Amino acid sequence: MSRDPGPAVRLRVDPVACEGVGLCAQVADRSVTLDRWGYPVLAAELEPGAATRQARRAVRACPRKALWLESAVPDR
């Protein structure tokens, strides 16, 4: 029995709100890397499963609330 990974999502960042703390990369290393200044570089689309769970933790961990998840499937 396979488990449905759910809808495709994308992690987004508000570059104005982000202060480059780096917690997102610590909790979501499959989805977020840091540039040389410590600001997040996000994966274009998240892999279902573990990467999406990590991204949700990153959203909750961000002290500036600069991260959010949105649907990777465009509205029709």
N, C-alpha and C. Protein backbone atom coordinates (compact mmCIF):
# COMPACT_ATOMS: atom_id res chain seq x y z
N MET A 1 0.84 -1.17 0.00
CA MET A 1 0.00 0.00 0.00
C MET A 1 0.89 1.24 0.00
N SER A 2 0.81 2.06 -1.02
CA SER A 2 1.63 3.26 -1.09
C SER A 2 0.91 4.44 -0.45
N ARG A 3 1.69 5.32 0.11
CA ARG A 3 1.15 6.48 0.78
C ARG A 3 1.23 7.68 -0.15
N ASP A 4 0.14 8.42 -0.29
CA ASP A 4 0.11 9.61 -1.14
C ASP A 4 0.95 10.69 -0.48
N PRO A 5 1.99 11.21 -1.18
CA PRO A 5 2.84 12.22 -0.58
C PRO A 5 2.18 13.59 -0.47
N GLY A 6 0.99 13.74 -1.05
CA GLY A 6 0.29 15.02 -0.97
C GLY A 6 0.66 15.92 -2.14
N PRO A 7 0.09 17.11 -2.17
CA PRO A 7 0.33 18.02 -3.28
C PRO A 7 1.76 18.55 -3.27
N ALA A 8 2.26 18.85 -4.46
CA ALA A 8 3.60 19.43 -4.58
C ALA A 8 3.59 20.84 -4.00
N VAL A 9 4.62 21.14 -3.23
CA VAL A 9 4.72 22.46 -2.62
C VAL A 9 6.09 23.06 -2.90
N ARG A 10 6.17 24.35 -2.74
CA ARG A 10 7.40 25.10 -2.95
C ARG A 10 7.64 25.95 -1.70
N LEU A 11 8.86 25.98 -1.24
CA LEU A 11 9.24 26.83 -0.12
C LEU A 11 9.59 28.20 -0.67
N ARG A 12 9.06 29.23 -0.03
CA ARG A 12 9.30 30.61 -0.49
C ARG A 12 9.89 31.43 0.65
N VAL A 13 10.60 32.50 0.31
CA VAL A 13 11.21 33.37 1.32
C VAL A 13 10.93 34.83 0.98
N ASP A 14 10.69 35.61 2.00
CA ASP A 14 10.55 37.06 1.86
C ASP A 14 11.94 37.64 2.09
N PRO A 15 12.62 38.11 1.03
CA PRO A 15 14.00 38.57 1.17
C PRO A 15 14.13 39.83 2.03
N VAL A 16 13.07 40.58 2.18
CA VAL A 16 13.12 41.78 3.02
C VAL A 16 13.05 41.38 4.50
N ALA A 17 12.20 40.41 4.82
CA ALA A 17 12.04 39.99 6.21
C ALA A 17 13.21 39.12 6.69
N CYS A 18 13.82 38.37 5.79
CA CYS A 18 14.89 37.44 6.16
C CYS A 18 16.11 38.21 6.66
N GLU A 19 16.66 37.76 7.79
CA GLU A 19 17.87 38.37 8.34
C GLU A 19 19.08 37.45 8.23
N GLY A 20 18.94 36.33 7.55
CA GLY A 20 20.07 35.42 7.34
C GLY A 20 20.51 34.68 8.59
N VAL A 21 19.58 34.36 9.47
CA VAL A 21 19.90 33.64 10.70
C VAL A 21 20.41 32.23 10.38
N GLY A 22 19.81 31.57 9.40
CA GLY A 22 20.29 30.27 8.94
C GLY A 22 19.64 29.05 9.56
N LEU A 23 18.66 29.24 10.44
CA LEU A 23 17.97 28.08 11.03
C LEU A 23 17.30 27.22 9.98
N CYS A 24 16.81 27.85 8.92
CA CYS A 24 16.11 27.10 7.86
C CYS A 24 17.03 26.05 7.25
N ALA A 25 18.27 26.39 7.00
CA ALA A 25 19.21 25.44 6.40
C ALA A 25 19.59 24.34 7.38
N GLN A 26 19.55 24.64 8.66
CA GLN A 26 19.87 23.62 9.67
C GLN A 26 18.78 22.56 9.76
N VAL A 27 17.52 22.97 9.65
CA VAL A 27 16.43 22.00 9.81
C VAL A 27 15.91 21.46 8.48
N ALA A 28 16.28 22.08 7.36
CA ALA A 28 15.79 21.64 6.05
C ALA A 28 16.93 21.58 5.04
N ASP A 29 17.95 20.79 5.36
CA ASP A 29 19.13 20.74 4.50
C ASP A 29 18.87 20.14 3.12
N ARG A 30 17.75 19.46 2.94
CA ARG A 30 17.39 18.93 1.61
C ARG A 30 16.79 20.01 0.71
N SER A 31 16.32 21.09 1.32
CA SER A 31 15.58 22.11 0.58
C SER A 31 16.24 23.47 0.57
N VAL A 32 17.13 23.71 1.53
CA VAL A 32 17.70 25.05 1.71
C VAL A 32 19.21 24.96 1.85
N THR A 33 19.91 25.77 1.08
CA THR A 33 21.34 25.99 1.30
C THR A 33 21.50 27.48 1.59
N LEU A 34 22.67 27.87 2.06
CA LEU A 34 22.91 29.28 2.35
C LEU A 34 23.92 29.83 1.37
N ASP A 35 23.71 31.08 0.96
CA ASP A 35 24.69 31.73 0.10
C ASP A 35 25.86 32.21 0.97
N ARG A 36 26.82 32.87 0.39
CA ARG A 36 28.02 33.25 1.14
C ARG A 36 27.75 34.30 2.21
N TRP A 37 26.59 34.95 2.15
CA TRP A 37 26.22 35.95 3.16
C TRP A 37 25.30 35.35 4.23
N GLY A 38 24.95 34.08 4.08
CA GLY A 38 24.10 33.41 5.06
C GLY A 38 22.62 33.46 4.77
N TYR A 39 22.25 33.91 3.58
CA TYR A 39 20.83 33.98 3.21
C TYR A 39 20.42 32.71 2.47
N PRO A 40 19.16 32.30 2.60
CA PRO A 40 18.73 31.03 2.03
C PRO A 40 18.63 31.03 0.51
N VAL A 41 19.05 29.91 -0.06
CA VAL A 41 18.85 29.60 -1.47
C VAL A 41 17.95 28.38 -1.46
N LEU A 42 16.77 28.51 -2.05
CA LEU A 42 15.74 27.48 -1.93
C LEU A 42 15.70 26.57 -3.14
N ALA A 43 15.36 25.30 -2.89
CA ALA A 43 15.15 24.35 -3.98
C ALA A 43 13.95 24.80 -4.80
N ALA A 44 14.00 24.57 -6.11
CA ALA A 44 12.91 25.01 -6.99
C ALA A 44 11.59 24.34 -6.61
N GLU A 45 11.64 23.05 -6.32
CA GLU A 45 10.44 22.31 -5.92
C GLU A 45 10.87 21.27 -4.90
N LEU A 46 10.04 21.01 -3.94
CA LEU A 46 10.39 20.07 -2.88
C LEU A 46 10.06 18.64 -3.29
N GLU A 47 10.95 17.74 -2.91
CA GLU A 47 10.67 16.32 -3.09
C GLU A 47 9.55 15.95 -2.11
N PRO A 48 8.65 15.07 -2.50
CA PRO A 48 7.62 14.64 -1.55
C PRO A 48 8.27 13.92 -0.36
N GLY A 49 7.61 13.94 0.74
CA GLY A 49 8.08 13.19 1.90
C GLY A 49 8.97 13.98 2.82
N ALA A 50 10.18 13.47 3.05
CA ALA A 50 11.08 14.04 4.05
C ALA A 50 11.43 15.50 3.78
N ALA A 51 11.67 15.86 2.53
CA ALA A 51 12.03 17.25 2.23
C ALA A 51 10.88 18.20 2.56
N THR A 52 9.66 17.77 2.29
CA THR A 52 8.51 18.61 2.61
C THR A 52 8.33 18.73 4.12
N ARG A 53 8.54 17.65 4.85
CA ARG A 53 8.45 17.72 6.32
C ARG A 53 9.52 18.65 6.87
N GLN A 54 10.73 18.57 6.33
CA GLN A 54 11.80 19.47 6.77
C GLN A 54 11.44 20.92 6.47
N ALA A 55 10.87 21.17 5.31
CA ALA A 55 10.49 22.54 4.94
C ALA A 55 9.44 23.09 5.90
N ARG A 56 8.49 22.26 6.30
CA ARG A 56 7.48 22.70 7.28
C ARG A 56 8.14 23.07 8.61
N ARG A 57 9.14 22.30 9.01
CA ARG A 57 9.88 22.63 10.25
C ARG A 57 10.64 23.94 10.09
N ALA A 58 11.20 24.17 8.90
CA ALA A 58 11.92 25.42 8.65
C ALA A 58 11.00 26.62 8.75
N VAL A 59 9.79 26.49 8.22
CA VAL A 59 8.80 27.58 8.30
C VAL A 59 8.52 27.89 9.77
N ARG A 60 8.32 26.87 10.57
CA ARG A 60 8.03 27.08 12.00
C ARG A 60 9.24 27.64 12.75
N ALA A 61 10.46 27.28 12.33
CA ALA A 61 11.67 27.68 13.04
C ALA A 61 12.12 29.11 12.73
N CYS A 62 11.69 29.66 11.61
CA CYS A 62 12.18 30.98 11.19
C CYS A 62 11.77 32.05 12.21
N PRO A 63 12.75 32.71 12.84
CA PRO A 63 12.42 33.73 13.85
C PRO A 63 11.78 34.98 13.26
N ARG A 64 11.98 35.22 11.98
CA ARG A 64 11.42 36.42 11.33
C ARG A 64 10.15 36.10 10.54
N LYS A 65 9.74 34.83 10.54
CA LYS A 65 8.55 34.40 9.78
C LYS A 65 8.67 34.79 8.31
N ALA A 66 9.87 34.63 7.78
CA ALA A 66 10.16 35.01 6.40
C ALA A 66 9.95 33.87 5.41
N LEU A 67 9.60 32.69 5.90
CA LEU A 67 9.39 31.52 5.04
C LEU A 67 7.93 31.10 5.05
N TRP A 68 7.48 30.56 3.92
CA TRP A 68 6.15 29.97 3.84
C TRP A 68 6.14 28.94 2.73
N LEU A 69 5.13 28.09 2.74
CA LEU A 69 4.95 27.08 1.70
C LEU A 69 3.79 27.49 0.82
N GLU A 70 3.93 27.23 -0.48
CA GLU A 70 2.82 27.47 -1.41
C GLU A 70 2.75 26.31 -2.37
N SER A 71 1.62 26.17 -3.00
CA SER A 71 1.41 25.10 -3.97
C SER A 71 2.36 25.27 -5.14
N ALA A 72 2.98 24.18 -5.57
CA ALA A 72 3.87 24.23 -6.73
C ALA A 72 3.09 24.04 -8.02
N VAL A 73 1.81 23.72 -7.90
CA VAL A 73 0.95 23.53 -9.06
C VAL A 73 0.23 24.84 -9.33
N PRO A 74 0.41 25.42 -10.52
CA PRO A 74 -0.25 26.70 -10.81
C PRO A 74 -1.77 26.56 -10.82
N ASP A 75 -2.45 27.61 -10.39
CA ASP A 75 -3.92 27.63 -10.45
C ASP A 75 -4.37 27.58 -11.89
N ARG A 76 -5.48 26.92 -12.10
CA ARG A 76 -6.00 26.84 -13.48
C ARG A 76 -7.12 27.78 -13.68
